[in-house]
Amino acid sequence: MRLLYLLRLWLFFMICVSVFGKGEKQVSSLLKEVHGLCDLVELRLDLMEELDDHILKQIIAQADLPVIVTNRASWEGGRFQGSEQERIAFLEKALEYGANFIDIEFATEEGPRKRLIQTAHNKGAKVILSHHDFEKTPPSDELSTLFDNMVLQDPSVNIIKIVTYASNRLDFLRLAALYPKAKKAGRQLIAFCMGRQGCYSRIYCVHLGSFLTFASIEASLSSAPGQIPVRMMKDILSRIEAVC
C-alpha cells in the first residue's frame, strides 16, 4: 500500500495530516480516521503525552500511509521536553522502525544533524530539512540567504521546508519567491505562512510547486496556527482544480 502512495508523492502535490495524541491507542484511531483523506501523515512525537520506543514502533507499523516523523524542538516552536540527545534518538529509532521521512531542523547542531541525515540515507528514507519562524516573515534577502545556506551545508538533502508567521497576507509573497529558486537548485520546497493571515498560503503553495501542504484532522487537533482541516482543504483544492 505504501509503495503506491510513495510513487504518487513524486507525481502530484500531497496533503499531509499531522497526527498526535495521548498515546498509542488514540494515535492508532486517528490514523484509521485519516485514511483516504490524505496522502501521507506526520507523526508529531513532541505533541504526544505518552511516548517510548515500543509505542513509536507500533504506530509506524500501523500506518498504511507514508510517514513523516517529526520531533520538534522547543527552541523551534515544538514541545519536546527531553534532552537534545533524547530528541535525536527518537528520530533515529523512527528510521529504524521504517519511517519514510524525517523532519530535522536546520538549526540542529551540525554533528547530530549530519549524522541523522546520513542514517536516513542509509535506511532509504527522505529528509525534510526545516526552518520555522513563529514570530515573523523575514525580509526577502534573509530568506534567500537562508535557503542558500540550507542547500550549501546539507547538499544531500532534496526537500527544504521554510515556514514563517504572517502578520499580513502579503508576507507570503516573500516566501513564494523561493519556489523558482528551489527549482533552479533542483530542490523540492515546502514554503508557506502560519497564522490566520497565512492560512490561504497553505492552499496557494501547492500551485507554486510545494512538495506538500499540511492539514489537520479537525480544527481542534491543529499542530500549528492556521492549519486547515483536511476535509475542507480537499474540498477547496478540488474546486480550484475543477475551474483551472
Protein backbone atom coordinates (compact mmCIF):
# COMPACT_ATOMS: atom_id res chain seq x y z
CA MET A 1 0.00 0.00 0.00
CA ARG A 2 2.73 2.47 0.95
CA LEU A 3 4.53 1.91 -2.39
CA LEU A 4 1.54 3.27 -4.32
CA TYR A 5 1.47 6.38 -2.19
CA LEU A 6 5.25 6.84 -2.43
CA LEU A 7 5.01 6.72 -6.23
CA ARG A 8 2.27 9.35 -6.10
CA LEU A 9 4.49 11.60 -3.96
CA TRP A 10 6.69 12.43 -6.93
CA LEU A 11 3.83 12.96 -9.40
CA PHE A 12 1.32 15.23 -7.64
CA PHE A 13 1.09 17.67 -4.76
CA MET A 14 0.42 15.99 -1.43
CA ILE A 15 -1.79 16.70 1.55
CA CYS A 16 -0.15 15.67 4.81
CA VAL A 17 -2.17 15.43 8.02
CA SER A 18 -0.37 15.95 11.32
CA VAL A 19 -1.32 13.26 13.84
CA PHE A 20 -0.69 13.20 17.57
CA GLY A 21 -2.46 12.17 20.75
CA LYS A 22 -2.17 10.92 24.28
CA GLY A 23 -0.66 7.56 23.37
CA GLU A 24 -0.70 4.58 21.03
CA LYS A 25 -4.43 3.85 21.25
CA GLN A 26 -5.55 7.37 20.37
CA VAL A 27 -2.99 7.83 17.58
CA SER A 28 -3.89 4.46 16.07
CA SER A 29 -7.53 5.52 16.00
CA LEU A 30 -6.64 8.81 14.30
CA LEU A 31 -4.53 7.01 11.69
CA LYS A 32 -7.60 4.98 10.72
CA GLU A 33 -9.70 8.14 10.59
CA VAL A 34 -7.42 9.96 8.13
CA HIS A 35 -7.01 7.00 5.78
CA GLY A 36 -8.45 8.05 2.43
CA LEU A 37 -8.40 11.74 3.38
CA CYS A 38 -4.73 12.46 2.81
CA ASP A 39 -1.62 11.19 1.04
CA LEU A 40 0.75 10.91 3.98
CA VAL A 41 0.82 11.52 7.72
CA GLU A 42 3.14 13.41 10.01
CA LEU A 43 3.64 11.87 13.44
CA ARG A 44 4.30 14.75 15.84
CA LEU A 45 6.21 12.97 18.58
CA ASP A 46 6.72 16.17 20.55
CA LEU A 47 2.95 16.59 20.92
CA MET A 48 2.35 13.11 22.33
CA GLU A 49 1.73 12.73 26.06
CA GLU A 50 2.99 9.14 26.16
CA LEU A 51 5.98 8.08 24.09
CA ASP A 52 8.58 5.32 24.22
CA ASP A 53 10.34 3.06 21.71
CA HIS A 54 7.56 0.45 21.78
CA ILE A 55 4.79 2.99 21.16
CA LEU A 56 6.76 4.56 18.31
CA LYS A 57 7.39 1.19 16.66
CA GLN A 58 3.75 0.17 16.90
CA ILE A 59 2.41 3.42 15.50
CA ILE A 60 4.72 3.37 12.47
CA ALA A 61 3.85 -0.28 11.82
CA GLN A 62 0.13 0.52 11.87
CA ALA A 63 0.33 3.41 9.41
CA ASP A 64 -0.96 2.48 5.95
CA LEU A 65 0.30 5.79 4.53
CA PRO A 66 3.85 7.08 4.13
CA VAL A 67 5.02 8.53 7.44
CA ILE A 68 6.91 11.72 8.23
CA VAL A 69 8.28 11.63 11.78
CA THR A 70 8.79 15.00 13.45
CA ASN A 71 10.07 15.63 16.96
CA ARG A 72 10.04 19.41 17.04
CA ALA A 73 12.48 21.06 19.43
CA SER A 74 11.14 23.54 21.96
CA TRP A 75 13.54 26.17 20.64
CA GLU A 76 11.74 25.98 17.27
CA GLY A 77 8.15 26.04 18.36
CA GLY A 78 7.82 22.39 19.40
CA ARG A 79 7.01 20.86 22.77
CA PHE A 80 9.59 18.12 23.26
CA GLN A 81 10.64 18.25 26.91
CA GLY A 82 13.58 15.85 26.90
CA SER A 83 17.23 16.46 26.14
CA GLU A 84 18.50 17.12 22.64
CA GLN A 85 20.16 13.71 22.69
CA GLU A 86 16.82 12.07 23.51
CA ARG A 87 15.07 14.07 20.80
CA ILE A 88 17.51 12.90 18.12
CA ALA A 89 17.41 9.33 19.44
CA PHE A 90 13.65 9.12 18.80
CA LEU A 91 14.20 10.20 15.20
CA GLU A 92 16.91 7.58 14.79
CA LYS A 93 14.56 4.95 16.19
CA ALA A 94 11.84 6.10 13.80
CA LEU A 95 14.18 5.43 10.88
CA GLU A 96 14.98 2.00 12.29
CA TYR A 97 11.24 1.24 12.52
CA GLY A 98 10.54 2.20 8.91
CA ALA A 99 9.69 5.91 8.78
CA ASN A 100 9.61 7.12 5.17
CA PHE A 101 10.62 10.70 6.04
CA ILE A 102 12.10 12.54 8.98
CA ASP A 103 11.94 16.26 9.62
CA ILE A 104 15.14 17.70 11.08
CA GLU A 105 15.56 21.36 11.95
CA PHE A 106 18.38 23.17 10.15
CA ALA A 107 19.25 24.84 13.47
CA THR A 108 20.06 21.44 15.00
CA GLU A 109 23.70 21.18 15.99
CA GLU A 110 25.71 20.25 12.91
CA GLY A 111 27.14 16.95 14.16
CA PRO A 112 23.85 15.30 15.16
CA ARG A 113 22.09 16.79 12.16
CA LYS A 114 24.53 15.38 9.62
CA ARG A 115 24.62 12.02 11.40
CA LEU A 116 20.85 11.79 11.28
CA ILE A 117 20.76 12.76 7.60
CA GLN A 118 23.30 10.05 6.79
CA THR A 119 21.32 7.48 8.78
CA ALA A 120 18.20 8.39 6.81
CA HIS A 121 20.05 7.94 3.52
CA ASN A 122 21.36 4.57 4.69
CA LYS A 123 17.81 3.48 5.53
CA GLY A 124 16.39 4.68 2.22
CA ALA A 125 14.33 7.41 3.90
CA LYS A 126 13.93 11.02 2.80
CA VAL A 127 14.93 14.04 4.87
CA ILE A 128 12.96 17.27 5.21
CA LEU A 129 15.40 19.95 6.33
CA SER A 130 13.27 22.57 8.06
CA HIS A 131 13.26 26.08 9.44
CA HIS A 132 10.34 27.66 11.32
CA ASP A 133 9.82 31.24 12.45
CA PHE A 134 6.77 31.59 14.71
CA GLU A 135 7.14 35.36 15.10
CA LYS A 136 7.53 36.89 11.64
CA THR A 137 8.35 36.51 7.98
CA PRO A 138 11.91 37.80 7.45
CA PRO A 139 12.88 40.09 4.55
CA SER A 140 13.38 38.53 1.13
CA ASP A 141 17.17 38.73 1.24
CA GLU A 142 17.28 36.89 4.57
CA LEU A 143 15.01 34.14 3.25
CA SER A 144 17.12 33.79 0.12
CA THR A 145 20.32 33.56 2.17
CA LEU A 146 18.70 31.01 4.50
CA PHE A 147 17.71 28.83 1.55
CA ASP A 148 21.21 29.05 0.07
CA ASN A 149 22.79 28.09 3.40
CA MET A 150 20.47 25.09 3.82
CA VAL A 151 21.40 23.82 0.36
CA LEU A 152 25.12 24.53 0.84
CA GLN A 153 25.51 22.99 4.29
CA ASP A 154 23.38 19.90 3.63
CA PRO A 155 23.73 19.29 -0.14
CA SER A 156 22.44 15.71 0.02
CA VAL A 157 19.01 16.82 1.26
CA ASN A 158 16.45 17.22 -1.51
CA ILE A 159 13.48 18.63 0.45
CA ILE A 160 13.72 22.07 2.05
CA LYS A 161 10.99 23.42 4.32
CA ILE A 162 10.82 27.10 5.28
CA VAL A 163 7.72 28.18 7.23
CA THR A 164 7.19 31.60 8.77
CA TYR A 165 4.48 33.54 10.58
CA ALA A 166 2.42 36.05 8.59
CA SER A 167 1.36 39.35 10.08
CA ASN A 168 -0.39 40.23 6.81
CA ARG A 169 -1.35 38.38 3.65
CA LEU A 170 1.44 39.93 1.59
CA ASP A 171 4.11 38.24 3.73
CA PHE A 172 3.72 35.04 1.73
CA LEU A 173 4.93 36.80 -1.42
CA ARG A 174 8.44 36.77 0.04
CA LEU A 175 8.28 33.02 0.55
CA ALA A 176 6.67 32.50 -2.86
CA ALA A 177 9.80 33.94 -4.46
CA LEU A 178 11.75 30.93 -3.19
CA TYR A 179 9.92 28.48 -5.47
CA PRO A 180 11.72 29.46 -8.71
CA LYS A 181 14.95 29.48 -6.73
CA ALA A 182 14.32 25.94 -5.48
CA LYS A 183 13.51 24.72 -8.98
CA LYS A 184 16.75 26.17 -10.30
CA ALA A 185 18.66 24.50 -7.46
CA GLY A 186 16.99 21.15 -8.13
CA ARG A 187 15.31 21.03 -4.71
CA GLN A 188 11.79 20.24 -3.58
CA LEU A 189 10.39 23.07 -1.46
CA ILE A 190 7.72 23.37 1.21
CA ALA A 191 7.13 27.04 1.98
CA PHE A 192 4.04 28.76 3.37
CA CYS A 193 2.99 31.05 6.21
CA MET A 194 1.45 30.17 9.55
CA GLY A 195 -1.22 32.15 11.33
CA ARG A 196 -4.61 33.47 10.28
CA GLN A 197 -3.09 35.82 7.70
CA GLY A 198 -1.11 32.95 6.21
CA CYS A 199 -3.96 30.46 6.01
CA TYR A 200 -4.50 30.94 2.27
CA SER A 201 -0.81 30.28 1.58
CA ARG A 202 -1.28 26.66 2.66
CA ILE A 203 -3.55 26.31 -0.38
CA TYR A 204 -1.75 28.54 -2.86
CA CYS A 205 1.66 26.97 -2.19
CA VAL A 206 0.65 23.72 -3.90
CA HIS A 207 0.06 25.63 -7.15
CA LEU A 208 3.58 27.05 -6.90
CA GLY A 209 5.00 23.53 -6.71
CA SER A 210 5.17 22.83 -2.98
CA PHE A 211 6.13 19.24 -2.28
CA LEU A 212 3.19 19.04 0.11
CA THR A 213 0.91 21.07 2.31
CA PHE A 214 -0.15 20.33 5.87
CA ALA A 215 -3.68 19.97 7.21
CA SER A 216 -5.28 18.97 10.49
CA ILE A 217 -7.80 16.22 11.10
CA GLU A 218 -10.11 18.86 12.53
CA ALA A 219 -9.74 22.39 13.87
CA SER A 220 -9.30 21.24 17.48
CA LEU A 221 -6.39 18.95 16.51
CA SER A 222 -4.23 21.54 14.78
CA SER A 223 -0.46 21.24 15.27
CA ALA A 224 0.32 24.77 14.02
CA PRO A 225 -1.52 28.11 13.76
CA GLY A 226 -3.60 28.50 10.63
CA GLN A 227 -3.85 24.79 9.75
CA ILE A 228 -6.92 23.94 7.68
CA PRO A 229 -8.98 20.81 8.45
CA VAL A 230 -8.25 18.18 5.82
CA ARG A 231 -11.79 17.75 4.54
CA MET A 232 -12.04 21.48 3.94
CA MET A 233 -8.60 21.50 2.31
CA LYS A 234 -9.55 18.72 -0.10
CA ASP A 235 -12.79 20.48 -0.98
CA ILE A 236 -11.06 23.80 -1.69
CA LEU A 237 -8.33 22.21 -3.81
CA SER A 238 -10.82 20.11 -5.78
CA ARG A 239 -12.95 23.18 -6.52
CA ILE A 240 -9.88 25.07 -7.74
CA GLU A 241 -8.81 22.14 -9.91
CA ALA A 242 -12.29 21.99 -11.44
CA VAL A 243 -12.12 25.53 -12.78
CA CYS A 244 -8.40 25.99 -13.51
